[in-house]
Amino acid sequence: NKAALPRTIHYTSVLDALARVMKSNPASDLKADRILKSMLNLYDTGSRHLRPDAVLFTTALNCYAKSKQKDSADRSLALLDLARKYNVELDIVAYNVVLRTLS
């Protein structure tokens, strides 16, 4: 049943939930990373209903920003490159999240 397939918005919602618990669960950024990579892998292998979008990438960037890990800035910059690979145009909100991570 195609109606029961997860969509990009479902993955985005999970990433948002992980960002919200980042302070109480520092490993949430690693979970977010795995979830994002899993979704992108599904998209790459033919699940076209999982097309990545700006909201997904911005939410993932927010996870990195809130994690306060040493490599958060590097991971955020790598995620910007990944968004470009998928031809996702990020908006000012995404870039503000990156700037917050870099500060």
Protein backbone atom coordinates (compact mmCIF):
# COMPACT_ATOMS: atom_id res chain seq x y z
CA ASN A 1 0.00 0.00 0.00
CA LYS A 2 1.71 3.17 -1.24
CA ALA A 3 -0.26 5.35 1.16
CA ALA A 4 1.49 3.65 4.08
CA LEU A 5 5.01 4.44 2.85
CA PRO A 6 7.01 6.90 4.95
CA ARG A 7 7.57 10.28 3.33
CA THR A 8 10.28 12.88 3.70
CA ILE A 9 8.12 14.74 6.21
CA HIS A 10 8.12 11.68 8.48
CA TYR A 11 11.91 11.54 8.50
CA THR A 12 12.03 15.30 9.10
CA SER A 13 9.69 14.91 12.08
CA VAL A 14 11.93 12.26 13.61
CA LEU A 15 14.99 14.49 13.15
CA ASP A 16 13.12 17.38 14.75
CA ALA A 17 12.21 15.21 17.74
CA LEU A 18 15.86 14.21 18.13
CA ALA A 19 16.93 17.86 18.02
CA ARG A 20 14.49 18.63 20.82
CA VAL A 21 16.02 16.01 23.15
CA MET A 22 19.62 16.79 22.24
CA LYS A 23 20.54 18.23 25.66
CA SER A 24 19.24 15.24 27.57
CA ASN A 25 20.55 12.68 25.07
CA PRO A 26 23.87 13.77 23.52
CA ALA A 27 23.99 10.73 21.24
CA SER A 28 20.90 11.97 19.42
CA ASP A 29 23.04 13.67 16.77
CA LEU A 30 24.51 10.29 15.82
CA LYS A 31 21.01 8.84 15.57
CA ALA A 32 19.95 11.78 13.44
CA ASP A 33 22.95 11.23 11.17
CA ARG A 34 22.08 7.55 10.71
CA ILE A 35 18.43 8.32 10.00
CA LEU A 36 19.33 10.98 7.43
CA LYS A 37 21.84 8.70 5.69
CA SER A 38 19.34 5.85 5.70
CA MET A 39 16.71 8.01 4.02
CA LEU A 40 19.15 9.33 1.43
CA ASN A 41 20.30 5.80 0.69
CA LEU A 42 16.68 4.74 0.11
CA TYR A 43 16.20 7.71 -2.21
CA ASP A 44 19.40 6.87 -4.10
CA THR A 45 18.26 3.28 -4.59
CA GLY A 46 14.93 4.18 -6.12
CA SER A 47 12.55 5.35 -3.41
CA ARG A 48 11.71 8.58 -5.22
CA HIS A 49 8.93 9.43 -2.76
CA LEU A 50 11.73 10.24 -0.29
CA ARG A 51 13.10 13.22 -2.19
CA PRO A 52 15.22 15.30 0.22
CA ASP A 53 14.19 18.91 0.67
CA ALA A 54 15.35 22.08 2.39
CA VAL A 55 13.30 21.42 5.52
CA LEU A 56 14.93 18.00 5.96
CA PHE A 57 18.46 19.39 5.62
CA THR A 58 17.71 22.39 7.85
CA THR A 59 16.35 20.08 10.52
CA ALA A 60 19.46 17.89 10.31
CA LEU A 61 21.64 21.00 10.54
CA ASN A 62 19.70 22.00 13.64
CA CYS A 63 20.51 18.62 15.20
CA TYR A 64 24.21 19.25 14.67
CA ALA A 65 23.94 22.80 16.03
CA LYS A 66 22.22 21.66 19.19
CA SER A 67 24.59 18.75 19.77
CA LYS A 68 27.51 21.05 20.67
CA GLN A 69 29.91 18.27 19.63
CA LYS A 70 33.46 19.24 18.63
CA ASP A 71 32.88 18.17 15.03
CA SER A 72 29.46 19.83 14.65
CA ALA A 73 30.79 22.65 12.49
CA ASP A 74 32.60 20.29 10.13
CA ARG A 75 29.57 18.02 9.91
CA SER A 76 27.33 21.00 9.16
CA LEU A 77 29.59 22.16 6.34
CA ALA A 78 29.65 18.63 4.93
CA LEU A 79 25.86 18.58 5.08
CA LEU A 80 25.74 21.80 3.05
CA ASP A 81 27.77 20.05 0.36
CA LEU A 82 25.45 17.06 0.52
CA ALA A 83 22.41 19.30 0.05
CA ARG A 84 24.05 20.73 -3.08
CA LYS A 85 24.64 17.19 -4.35
CA TYR A 86 20.89 16.58 -4.13
CA ASN A 87 20.15 19.95 -5.80
CA VAL A 88 18.41 21.19 -2.67
CA GLU A 89 18.34 24.97 -2.42
CA LEU A 90 18.72 25.94 1.21
CA ASP A 91 17.29 29.19 2.52
CA ILE A 92 18.48 31.78 5.00
CA VAL A 93 17.15 29.72 7.91
CA ALA A 94 19.53 26.87 7.07
CA TYR A 95 22.49 29.21 6.73
CA ASN A 96 21.66 30.88 10.04
CA VAL A 97 21.68 27.46 11.70
CA VAL A 98 25.13 26.82 10.18
CA LEU A 99 26.37 30.17 11.45
CA ARG A 100 25.09 29.31 14.93
CA THR A 101 27.02 26.03 14.73
CA LEU A 102 30.19 27.81 13.66
CA SER A 103 30.03 30.32 16.52
